[in-house]
Amino acid sequence: REDRRQRQMCKETGIEIIKPNLKGYEIDEKVRGYITNKGYPSYNHSTGHSIGEEAHNPGALIGTRESKLANLEIQKFGVYTIEPRIAINNGGSIEEMVYVTENGGVPLSRRQKELYLVK
């Protein structure tokens, strides 16, 4: 239960802080830092990416500063994913899609706050 709460909080942190003109790595560092400061290991993928005509459309990557695309700025009115991961047993991840406004990210769908078991 605590792990689920932590996963949700790091997503909310990413959605809350994404704003135009921030570089992708600035968002990644805050979200990834939140996770590692809670004692979880870092993850080996980006925190998010832009969405366009194709799933991973060239644009700002919400990833580590070493990535060229993570040094691009987040665009106002752009759509990005927020998908950090916390390594837990039987864990999974949810990819949230957000629309970027001057005031932060606006989720494009109703937020899933519970895990569902599909049989």
N, C-alpha and C. Protein backbone atom coordinates (compact mmCIF):
# COMPACT_ATOMS: atom_id res chain seq x y z
N ARG A 1 0.83 -1.19 0.00
CA ARG A 1 0.00 0.00 0.00
C ARG A 1 0.87 1.25 0.00
N GLU A 2 1.91 1.27 0.83
CA GLU A 2 2.82 2.42 0.87
C GLU A 2 3.51 2.62 -0.47
N ASP A 3 3.92 1.50 -1.13
CA ASP A 3 4.56 1.60 -2.43
C ASP A 3 3.63 2.22 -3.46
N ARG A 4 2.36 1.83 -3.43
CA ARG A 4 1.37 2.41 -4.36
C ARG A 4 1.24 3.91 -4.12
N ARG A 5 1.19 4.31 -2.85
CA ARG A 5 1.06 5.72 -2.52
C ARG A 5 2.28 6.50 -3.02
N GLN A 6 3.47 5.94 -2.85
CA GLN A 6 4.69 6.60 -3.32
C GLN A 6 4.68 6.73 -4.84
N ARG A 7 4.24 5.68 -5.55
CA ARG A 7 4.17 5.74 -7.02
C ARG A 7 3.25 6.87 -7.46
N GLN A 8 2.09 6.96 -6.81
CA GLN A 8 1.12 7.99 -7.17
C GLN A 8 1.69 9.38 -6.89
N MET A 9 2.38 9.54 -5.76
CA MET A 9 2.94 10.85 -5.42
C MET A 9 3.99 11.30 -6.42
N CYS A 10 4.83 10.38 -6.91
CA CYS A 10 5.86 10.81 -7.85
C CYS A 10 5.23 11.20 -9.18
N LYS A 11 4.13 10.55 -9.58
CA LYS A 11 3.43 10.95 -10.80
C LYS A 11 2.82 12.34 -10.60
N GLU A 12 2.20 12.55 -9.45
CA GLU A 12 1.61 13.86 -9.19
C GLU A 12 2.68 14.94 -9.17
N THR A 13 3.84 14.62 -8.66
CA THR A 13 4.93 15.58 -8.66
C THR A 13 5.30 15.95 -10.09
N GLY A 14 5.40 14.98 -10.98
CA GLY A 14 5.73 15.26 -12.37
C GLY A 14 4.65 16.08 -13.06
N ILE A 15 3.40 15.72 -12.84
CA ILE A 15 2.29 16.45 -13.45
C ILE A 15 2.23 17.87 -12.91
N GLU A 16 2.48 18.01 -11.64
CA GLU A 16 2.41 19.31 -11.00
C GLU A 16 3.52 20.25 -11.48
N ILE A 17 4.71 19.73 -11.73
CA ILE A 17 5.85 20.61 -12.04
C ILE A 17 6.09 20.84 -13.51
N ILE A 18 5.48 20.04 -14.41
CA ILE A 18 5.74 20.23 -15.83
C ILE A 18 5.15 21.58 -16.27
N LYS A 19 5.99 22.38 -16.89
CA LYS A 19 5.57 23.71 -17.34
C LYS A 19 6.36 24.06 -18.60
N PRO A 20 5.81 24.96 -19.42
CA PRO A 20 6.54 25.38 -20.62
C PRO A 20 7.90 25.98 -20.25
N ASN A 21 8.84 25.80 -21.15
CA ASN A 21 10.19 26.36 -21.07
C ASN A 21 11.12 25.66 -20.09
N LEU A 22 10.61 24.74 -19.27
CA LEU A 22 11.52 23.92 -18.47
C LEU A 22 12.17 22.93 -19.41
N LYS A 23 13.39 22.58 -19.14
CA LYS A 23 14.04 21.54 -19.93
C LYS A 23 13.60 20.19 -19.39
N GLY A 24 13.54 19.21 -20.28
CA GLY A 24 13.09 17.88 -19.89
C GLY A 24 13.87 17.31 -18.72
N TYR A 25 15.19 17.52 -18.71
CA TYR A 25 15.99 16.95 -17.61
C TYR A 25 15.67 17.59 -16.27
N GLU A 26 15.19 18.84 -16.27
CA GLU A 26 14.86 19.49 -15.00
C GLU A 26 13.68 18.78 -14.32
N ILE A 27 12.72 18.36 -15.10
CA ILE A 27 11.58 17.61 -14.56
C ILE A 27 12.03 16.22 -14.13
N ASP A 28 12.81 15.56 -14.98
CA ASP A 28 13.31 14.22 -14.67
C ASP A 28 14.09 14.23 -13.35
N GLU A 29 14.96 15.21 -13.16
CA GLU A 29 15.78 15.25 -11.94
C GLU A 29 14.92 15.38 -10.70
N LYS A 30 13.85 16.17 -10.77
CA LYS A 30 12.99 16.34 -9.59
C LYS A 30 12.20 15.07 -9.29
N VAL A 31 11.62 14.47 -10.31
CA VAL A 31 10.82 13.25 -10.10
C VAL A 31 11.72 12.09 -9.69
N ARG A 32 12.82 11.90 -10.40
CA ARG A 32 13.76 10.82 -10.09
C ARG A 32 14.36 11.04 -8.69
N GLY A 33 14.67 12.29 -8.36
CA GLY A 33 15.20 12.61 -7.04
C GLY A 33 14.21 12.29 -5.93
N TYR A 34 12.95 12.54 -6.18
CA TYR A 34 11.91 12.21 -5.20
C TYR A 34 11.93 10.71 -4.91
N ILE A 35 12.02 9.92 -5.97
CA ILE A 35 12.00 8.46 -5.82
C ILE A 35 13.25 7.97 -5.09
N THR A 36 14.42 8.43 -5.50
CA THR A 36 15.65 7.95 -4.86
C THR A 36 15.79 8.47 -3.43
N ASN A 37 15.27 9.66 -3.15
CA ASN A 37 15.31 10.18 -1.78
C ASN A 37 14.43 9.37 -0.83
N LYS A 38 13.45 8.65 -1.38
CA LYS A 38 12.60 7.78 -0.57
C LYS A 38 13.22 6.39 -0.39
N GLY A 39 14.43 6.19 -0.96
CA GLY A 39 15.14 4.92 -0.77
C GLY A 39 14.97 3.92 -1.89
N TYR A 40 14.25 4.28 -2.93
CA TYR A 40 14.07 3.37 -4.07
C TYR A 40 15.20 3.58 -5.06
N PRO A 41 15.55 2.54 -5.83
CA PRO A 41 16.61 2.72 -6.83
C PRO A 41 16.12 3.57 -8.00
N SER A 42 17.06 4.18 -8.70
CA SER A 42 16.72 4.91 -9.91
C SER A 42 16.27 3.90 -10.96
N TYR A 43 15.64 4.38 -12.01
CA TYR A 43 15.17 3.50 -13.08
C TYR A 43 15.97 3.77 -14.34
N ASN A 44 15.99 2.80 -15.25
CA ASN A 44 16.86 2.89 -16.42
C ASN A 44 16.11 3.34 -17.68
N HIS A 45 15.16 4.23 -17.51
CA HIS A 45 14.44 4.79 -18.66
C HIS A 45 14.05 6.22 -18.34
N SER A 46 13.49 6.89 -19.29
CA SER A 46 13.08 8.28 -19.11
C SER A 46 11.84 8.38 -18.24
N THR A 47 11.65 9.53 -17.65
CA THR A 47 10.45 9.80 -16.85
C THR A 47 9.26 10.08 -17.76
N GLY A 48 9.50 10.48 -18.98
CA GLY A 48 8.39 10.74 -19.90
C GLY A 48 8.91 11.17 -21.26
N HIS A 49 7.98 11.41 -22.17
CA HIS A 49 8.35 11.81 -23.53
C HIS A 49 7.21 12.60 -24.16
N SER A 50 7.53 13.25 -25.26
CA SER A 50 6.51 14.00 -25.98
C SER A 50 5.62 13.04 -26.76
N ILE A 51 4.43 13.49 -27.06
CA ILE A 51 3.47 12.74 -27.88
C ILE A 51 3.16 13.61 -29.09
N GLY A 52 3.13 13.00 -30.25
CA GLY A 52 2.83 13.73 -31.46
C GLY A 52 2.18 12.83 -32.47
N GLU A 53 2.60 12.96 -33.71
CA GLU A 53 2.03 12.14 -34.78
C GLU A 53 2.37 10.67 -34.59
N GLU A 54 3.49 10.41 -33.90
CA GLU A 54 3.89 9.06 -33.54
C GLU A 54 4.06 9.04 -32.03
N ALA A 55 4.04 7.85 -31.45
CA ALA A 55 4.08 7.74 -29.98
C ALA A 55 5.27 8.47 -29.37
N HIS A 56 6.44 8.31 -29.95
CA HIS A 56 7.63 8.96 -29.41
C HIS A 56 8.10 10.01 -30.41
N ASN A 57 7.24 10.96 -30.68
CA ASN A 57 7.53 12.02 -31.63
C ASN A 57 8.77 12.79 -31.18
N PRO A 58 9.65 13.16 -32.10
CA PRO A 58 10.80 13.96 -31.68
C PRO A 58 10.33 15.23 -30.97
N GLY A 59 10.89 15.50 -29.88
CA GLY A 59 10.55 16.64 -29.04
C GLY A 59 11.27 16.46 -27.72
N ALA A 60 10.94 17.27 -26.77
CA ALA A 60 11.61 17.19 -25.48
C ALA A 60 11.35 15.83 -24.83
N LEU A 61 12.40 15.22 -24.37
CA LEU A 61 12.33 13.99 -23.61
C LEU A 61 12.43 14.38 -22.14
N ILE A 62 11.64 13.77 -21.30
CA ILE A 62 11.75 14.01 -19.86
C ILE A 62 12.66 12.91 -19.34
N GLY A 63 13.95 13.14 -19.52
CA GLY A 63 14.95 12.14 -19.20
C GLY A 63 16.19 12.78 -18.61
N THR A 64 17.23 11.98 -18.51
CA THR A 64 18.46 12.47 -17.88
C THR A 64 19.17 13.49 -18.76
N ARG A 65 19.92 14.33 -18.12
CA ARG A 65 20.57 15.45 -18.78
C ARG A 65 21.54 15.01 -19.88
N GLU A 66 21.99 13.77 -19.84
CA GLU A 66 22.90 13.27 -20.87
C GLU A 66 22.23 13.13 -22.24
N SER A 67 20.92 13.03 -22.25
CA SER A 67 20.19 12.89 -23.51
C SER A 67 20.05 14.25 -24.19
N LYS A 68 20.37 14.30 -25.47
CA LYS A 68 20.22 15.54 -26.24
C LYS A 68 18.78 16.05 -26.19
N LEU A 69 17.83 15.13 -26.34
CA LEU A 69 16.42 15.54 -26.36
C LEU A 69 15.94 16.04 -25.00
N ALA A 70 16.59 15.63 -23.91
CA ALA A 70 16.21 16.10 -22.58
C ALA A 70 16.68 17.52 -22.32
N ASN A 71 17.53 18.04 -23.21
CA ASN A 71 17.98 19.42 -23.09
C ASN A 71 17.08 20.37 -23.87
N LEU A 72 16.04 19.83 -24.51
CA LEU A 72 15.04 20.66 -25.19
C LEU A 72 14.02 21.14 -24.17
N GLU A 73 13.34 22.24 -24.50
CA GLU A 73 12.33 22.79 -23.59
C GLU A 73 10.96 22.16 -23.82
N ILE A 74 10.22 22.05 -22.73
CA ILE A 74 8.84 21.60 -22.78
C ILE A 74 8.03 22.71 -23.46
N GLN A 75 7.15 22.33 -24.36
CA GLN A 75 6.39 23.30 -25.13
C GLN A 75 5.00 23.52 -24.54
N LYS A 76 4.61 24.79 -24.47
CA LYS A 76 3.25 25.13 -24.06
C LYS A 76 2.28 24.52 -25.06
N PHE A 77 1.20 23.96 -24.58
CA PHE A 77 0.17 23.27 -25.35
C PHE A 77 0.64 21.93 -25.91
N GLY A 78 1.82 21.47 -25.49
CA GLY A 78 2.30 20.15 -25.90
C GLY A 78 1.67 19.06 -25.05
N VAL A 79 1.76 17.83 -25.54
CA VAL A 79 1.28 16.67 -24.79
C VAL A 79 2.49 15.78 -24.50
N TYR A 80 2.62 15.39 -23.23
CA TYR A 80 3.76 14.60 -22.77
C TYR A 80 3.25 13.49 -21.86
N THR A 81 4.07 12.45 -21.73
CA THR A 81 3.75 11.42 -20.75
C THR A 81 4.55 11.68 -19.48
N ILE A 82 4.02 11.21 -18.38
CA ILE A 82 4.74 11.16 -17.11
C ILE A 82 4.67 9.69 -16.70
N GLU A 83 5.82 9.02 -16.66
CA GLU A 83 5.82 7.58 -16.39
C GLU A 83 7.02 7.12 -15.58
N PRO A 84 7.21 7.70 -14.39
CA PRO A 84 8.31 7.21 -13.55
C PRO A 84 7.99 5.80 -13.05
N ARG A 85 8.97 5.13 -12.53
CA ARG A 85 8.76 3.76 -12.07
C ARG A 85 9.44 3.57 -10.72
N ILE A 86 8.77 2.84 -9.85
CA ILE A 86 9.36 2.43 -8.58
C ILE A 86 9.49 0.92 -8.62
N ALA A 87 10.68 0.42 -8.38
CA ALA A 87 10.94 -1.02 -8.44
C ALA A 87 10.40 -1.69 -7.18
N ILE A 88 9.30 -2.42 -7.34
CA ILE A 88 8.73 -3.20 -6.24
C ILE A 88 8.33 -4.56 -6.80
N ASN A 89 8.20 -5.54 -5.92
CA ASN A 89 7.77 -6.87 -6.36
C ASN A 89 6.40 -6.78 -7.02
N ASN A 90 6.25 -7.47 -8.13
CA ASN A 90 4.99 -7.50 -8.87
C ASN A 90 4.51 -6.10 -9.25
N GLY A 91 5.43 -5.18 -9.40
CA GLY A 91 5.07 -3.80 -9.71
C GLY A 91 4.73 -3.61 -11.18
N GLY A 92 4.18 -2.50 -11.46
CA GLY A 92 3.85 -2.12 -12.82
C GLY A 92 3.98 -0.61 -12.91
N SER A 93 3.60 -0.06 -14.02
CA SER A 93 3.62 1.39 -14.10
C SER A 93 2.44 1.85 -14.92
N ILE A 94 2.08 3.08 -14.73
CA ILE A 94 1.00 3.70 -15.46
C ILE A 94 1.59 4.90 -16.19
N GLU A 95 1.24 5.04 -17.43
CA GLU A 95 1.72 6.17 -18.23
C GLU A 95 0.61 7.21 -18.26
N GLU A 96 0.85 8.34 -17.62
CA GLU A 96 -0.12 9.43 -17.61
C GLU A 96 0.19 10.37 -18.77
N MET A 97 -0.83 10.77 -19.52
CA MET A 97 -0.64 11.74 -20.59
C MET A 97 -1.17 13.08 -20.09
N VAL A 98 -0.34 14.12 -20.25
CA VAL A 98 -0.72 15.44 -19.75
C VAL A 98 -0.59 16.49 -20.86
N TYR A 99 -1.48 17.44 -20.80
CA TYR A 99 -1.49 18.61 -21.68
C TYR A 99 -0.82 19.72 -20.89
N VAL A 100 0.17 20.39 -21.48
CA VAL A 100 0.95 21.38 -20.74
C VAL A 100 0.36 22.78 -20.88
N THR A 101 0.06 23.38 -19.74
CA THR A 101 -0.39 24.77 -19.69
C THR A 101 0.64 25.57 -18.91
N GLU A 102 0.45 26.88 -18.85
CA GLU A 102 1.37 27.71 -18.05
C GLU A 102 1.32 27.34 -16.58
N ASN A 103 0.21 26.76 -16.14
CA ASN A 103 0.03 26.42 -14.73
C ASN A 103 0.40 24.99 -14.39
N GLY A 104 0.89 24.23 -15.35
CA GLY A 104 1.28 22.85 -15.08
C GLY A 104 0.57 21.90 -16.01
N GLY A 105 0.71 20.61 -15.71
CA GLY A 105 0.13 19.58 -16.55
C GLY A 105 -1.32 19.30 -16.19
N VAL A 106 -2.12 19.08 -17.22
CA VAL A 106 -3.52 18.72 -17.04
C VAL A 106 -3.69 17.30 -17.58
N PRO A 107 -4.05 16.34 -16.73
CA PRO A 107 -4.23 14.97 -17.21
C PRO A 107 -5.29 14.91 -18.31
N LEU A 108 -5.04 14.09 -19.33
CA LEU A 108 -5.99 13.98 -20.45
C LEU A 108 -7.07 12.94 -20.22
N SER A 109 -6.98 12.19 -19.16
CA SER A 109 -8.02 11.22 -18.84
C SER A 109 -8.21 11.18 -17.33
N ARG A 110 -9.29 10.54 -16.93
CA ARG A 110 -9.54 10.40 -15.50
C ARG A 110 -8.39 9.61 -14.90
N ARG A 111 -7.88 10.07 -13.79
CA ARG A 111 -6.71 9.45 -13.17
C ARG A 111 -7.07 8.11 -12.56
N GLN A 112 -6.26 7.09 -12.84
CA GLN A 112 -6.44 5.78 -12.22
C GLN A 112 -5.71 5.81 -10.90
N LYS A 113 -6.44 5.60 -9.81
CA LYS A 113 -5.83 5.66 -8.48
C LYS A 113 -5.84 4.31 -7.78
N GLU A 114 -6.39 3.29 -8.44
CA GLU A 114 -6.41 1.94 -7.88
C GLU A 114 -5.89 0.97 -8.93
N LEU A 115 -5.36 -0.15 -8.45
CA LEU A 115 -4.93 -1.20 -9.37
C LEU A 115 -6.10 -2.16 -9.59
N TYR A 116 -6.27 -2.58 -10.82
CA TYR A 116 -7.35 -3.50 -11.15
C TYR A 116 -6.76 -4.86 -11.53
N LEU A 117 -7.37 -5.92 -11.04
CA LEU A 117 -6.96 -7.27 -11.39
C LEU A 117 -7.87 -7.78 -12.51
N VAL A 118 -7.27 -8.09 -13.63
CA VAL A 118 -8.03 -8.60 -14.77
C VAL A 118 -7.79 -10.09 -14.83
N LYS A 119 -8.86 -10.88 -14.79
CA LYS A 119 -8.75 -12.34 -14.82
C LYS A 119 -9.13 -12.87 -16.17
